[in-house]
Amino acid sequence: MPIVTIQQGPRDIELKRELVARVTDAFVDSLKIPAEAVQVWIHEVPADSWGVAGKLTADK
């Protein structure tokens, strides 16, 4: 059973629904497995806890 972990900043629930559906479909199509075998975990990281190029994303 594949488990996909996605780390990202907070997103709207509708965007997360679409993301989970598309990621699941990609695994179903490529691995020929049932959708029920795919788990998608979304870890949302606040902008003040994530840095890019030496700066917090909250400071951009």
N, C-alpha and C. Protein backbone atom coordinates (compact mmCIF):
# COMPACT_ATOMS: atom_id res chain seq x y z
N MET A 1 0.84 -1.17 0.00
CA MET A 1 0.00 0.00 0.00
C MET A 1 0.89 1.24 0.00
N PRO A 2 0.86 2.05 -1.05
CA PRO A 2 1.65 3.28 -1.07
C PRO A 2 1.10 4.32 -0.10
N ILE A 3 2.03 4.99 0.56
CA ILE A 3 1.68 6.14 1.40
C ILE A 3 2.45 7.32 0.85
N VAL A 4 1.73 8.34 0.43
CA VAL A 4 2.33 9.54 -0.14
C VAL A 4 2.26 10.64 0.91
N THR A 5 3.39 11.26 1.21
CA THR A 5 3.41 12.36 2.17
C THR A 5 3.72 13.65 1.43
N ILE A 6 2.87 14.64 1.64
CA ILE A 6 3.02 15.95 1.00
C ILE A 6 3.20 16.98 2.11
N GLN A 7 4.30 17.73 2.03
CA GLN A 7 4.51 18.82 2.97
C GLN A 7 4.31 20.12 2.20
N GLN A 8 3.48 20.98 2.76
CA GLN A 8 3.16 22.23 2.08
C GLN A 8 2.66 23.24 3.09
N GLY A 9 2.53 24.47 2.63
CA GLY A 9 1.90 25.49 3.44
C GLY A 9 0.40 25.25 3.45
N PRO A 10 -0.30 25.90 4.36
CA PRO A 10 -1.75 25.73 4.45
C PRO A 10 -2.45 26.06 3.14
N ARG A 11 -3.41 25.23 2.79
CA ARG A 11 -4.21 25.42 1.58
C ARG A 11 -5.69 25.24 1.91
N ASP A 12 -6.54 25.77 1.05
CA ASP A 12 -7.99 25.62 1.15
C ASP A 12 -8.36 24.14 1.04
N ILE A 13 -9.38 23.72 1.74
CA ILE A 13 -9.79 22.31 1.75
C ILE A 13 -10.16 21.81 0.36
N GLU A 14 -10.75 22.66 -0.48
CA GLU A 14 -11.10 22.24 -1.84
C GLU A 14 -9.84 21.91 -2.65
N LEU A 15 -8.79 22.71 -2.49
CA LEU A 15 -7.53 22.42 -3.18
C LEU A 15 -6.93 21.11 -2.68
N LYS A 16 -7.04 20.85 -1.39
CA LYS A 16 -6.52 19.60 -0.83
C LYS A 16 -7.32 18.40 -1.33
N ARG A 17 -8.62 18.55 -1.46
CA ARG A 17 -9.44 17.46 -2.01
C ARG A 17 -8.99 17.10 -3.42
N GLU A 18 -8.79 18.14 -4.24
CA GLU A 18 -8.36 17.92 -5.62
C GLU A 18 -6.97 17.29 -5.66
N LEU A 19 -6.07 17.77 -4.83
CA LEU A 19 -4.72 17.22 -4.77
C LEU A 19 -4.73 15.74 -4.42
N VAL A 20 -5.49 15.38 -3.39
CA VAL A 20 -5.57 13.98 -2.97
C VAL A 20 -6.15 13.11 -4.08
N ALA A 21 -7.17 13.59 -4.76
CA ALA A 21 -7.77 12.83 -5.86
C ALA A 21 -6.78 12.62 -7.00
N ARG A 22 -6.06 13.68 -7.36
CA ARG A 22 -5.11 13.58 -8.48
C ARG A 22 -3.91 12.70 -8.15
N VAL A 23 -3.41 12.82 -6.94
CA VAL A 23 -2.28 11.97 -6.53
C VAL A 23 -2.72 10.51 -6.51
N THR A 24 -3.89 10.25 -5.97
CA THR A 24 -4.42 8.89 -5.94
C THR A 24 -4.57 8.35 -7.36
N ASP A 25 -5.16 9.14 -8.24
CA ASP A 25 -5.33 8.71 -9.64
C ASP A 25 -3.99 8.38 -10.30
N ALA A 26 -2.96 9.18 -10.00
CA ALA A 26 -1.64 8.92 -10.59
C ALA A 26 -1.10 7.56 -10.16
N PHE A 27 -1.28 7.20 -8.91
CA PHE A 27 -0.81 5.90 -8.43
C PHE A 27 -1.66 4.77 -9.00
N VAL A 28 -2.95 4.98 -9.08
CA VAL A 28 -3.84 3.96 -9.67
C VAL A 28 -3.46 3.70 -11.12
N ASP A 29 -3.24 4.78 -11.88
CA ASP A 29 -2.89 4.64 -13.29
C ASP A 29 -1.52 4.02 -13.50
N SER A 30 -0.53 4.45 -12.73
CA SER A 30 0.83 3.99 -12.98
C SER A 30 1.13 2.62 -12.38
N LEU A 31 0.56 2.32 -11.22
CA LEU A 31 0.85 1.05 -10.56
C LEU A 31 -0.24 -0.01 -10.74
N LYS A 32 -1.36 0.41 -11.37
CA LYS A 32 -2.48 -0.52 -11.59
C LYS A 32 -2.97 -1.14 -10.28
N ILE A 33 -3.20 -0.27 -9.29
CA ILE A 33 -3.68 -0.71 -8.00
C ILE A 33 -5.02 -0.03 -7.72
N PRO A 34 -5.81 -0.58 -6.80
CA PRO A 34 -7.08 0.08 -6.47
C PRO A 34 -6.85 1.36 -5.66
N ALA A 35 -7.73 2.32 -5.83
CA ALA A 35 -7.63 3.58 -5.11
C ALA A 35 -7.60 3.36 -3.60
N GLU A 36 -8.27 2.33 -3.14
CA GLU A 36 -8.33 2.04 -1.71
C GLU A 36 -6.96 1.68 -1.13
N ALA A 37 -6.02 1.36 -1.99
CA ALA A 37 -4.68 0.99 -1.53
C ALA A 37 -3.76 2.19 -1.35
N VAL A 38 -4.22 3.38 -1.76
CA VAL A 38 -3.37 4.57 -1.73
C VAL A 38 -3.77 5.47 -0.56
N GLN A 39 -2.77 5.85 0.23
CA GLN A 39 -2.99 6.82 1.30
C GLN A 39 -2.20 8.07 0.99
N VAL A 40 -2.82 9.23 1.21
CA VAL A 40 -2.15 10.51 1.01
C VAL A 40 -2.21 11.28 2.33
N TRP A 41 -1.05 11.62 2.83
CA TRP A 41 -0.96 12.38 4.07
C TRP A 41 -0.47 13.78 3.75
N ILE A 42 -1.20 14.79 4.21
CA ILE A 42 -0.81 16.17 3.98
C ILE A 42 -0.37 16.77 5.32
N HIS A 43 0.87 17.22 5.34
CA HIS A 43 1.41 17.91 6.52
C HIS A 43 1.52 19.38 6.17
N GLU A 44 0.71 20.19 6.83
CA GLU A 44 0.74 21.62 6.56
C GLU A 44 1.69 22.31 7.54
N VAL A 45 2.58 23.07 6.98
CA VAL A 45 3.59 23.76 7.76
C VAL A 45 3.32 25.27 7.67
N PRO A 46 3.18 25.93 8.80
CA PRO A 46 2.92 27.37 8.77
C PRO A 46 4.09 28.13 8.15
N ALA A 47 3.79 29.28 7.56
CA ALA A 47 4.81 30.09 6.88
C ALA A 47 5.92 30.53 7.83
N ASP A 48 5.64 30.62 9.13
CA ASP A 48 6.69 31.02 10.07
C ASP A 48 7.54 29.83 10.53
N SER A 49 7.29 28.66 9.97
CA SER A 49 8.07 27.47 10.30
C SER A 49 8.72 26.86 9.06
N TRP A 50 8.87 27.63 8.01
CA TRP A 50 9.39 27.14 6.74
C TRP A 50 10.30 28.22 6.15
N GLY A 51 11.48 27.83 5.72
CA GLY A 51 12.40 28.80 5.15
C GLY A 51 12.83 28.42 3.75
N VAL A 52 13.09 29.43 2.92
CA VAL A 52 13.61 29.26 1.57
C VAL A 52 14.68 30.32 1.35
N ALA A 53 15.82 29.91 0.84
CA ALA A 53 16.91 30.83 0.52
C ALA A 53 17.33 31.68 1.72
N GLY A 54 17.32 31.08 2.90
CA GLY A 54 17.78 31.76 4.10
C GLY A 54 16.76 32.68 4.76
N LYS A 55 15.52 32.65 4.28
CA LYS A 55 14.49 33.51 4.87
C LYS A 55 13.22 32.72 5.12
N LEU A 56 12.52 33.09 6.19
CA LEU A 56 11.21 32.49 6.44
C LEU A 56 10.25 32.87 5.33
N THR A 57 9.41 31.94 4.93
CA THR A 57 8.43 32.27 3.90
C THR A 57 7.44 33.32 4.40
N ALA A 58 7.27 33.42 5.71
CA ALA A 58 6.38 34.43 6.29
C ALA A 58 6.92 35.84 6.04
N ASP A 59 8.23 35.96 5.83
CA ASP A 59 8.84 37.27 5.62
C ASP A 59 8.87 37.71 4.17
N LYS A 60 8.38 36.90 3.28
CA LYS A 60 8.39 37.27 1.85
C LYS A 60 7.23 38.15 1.51
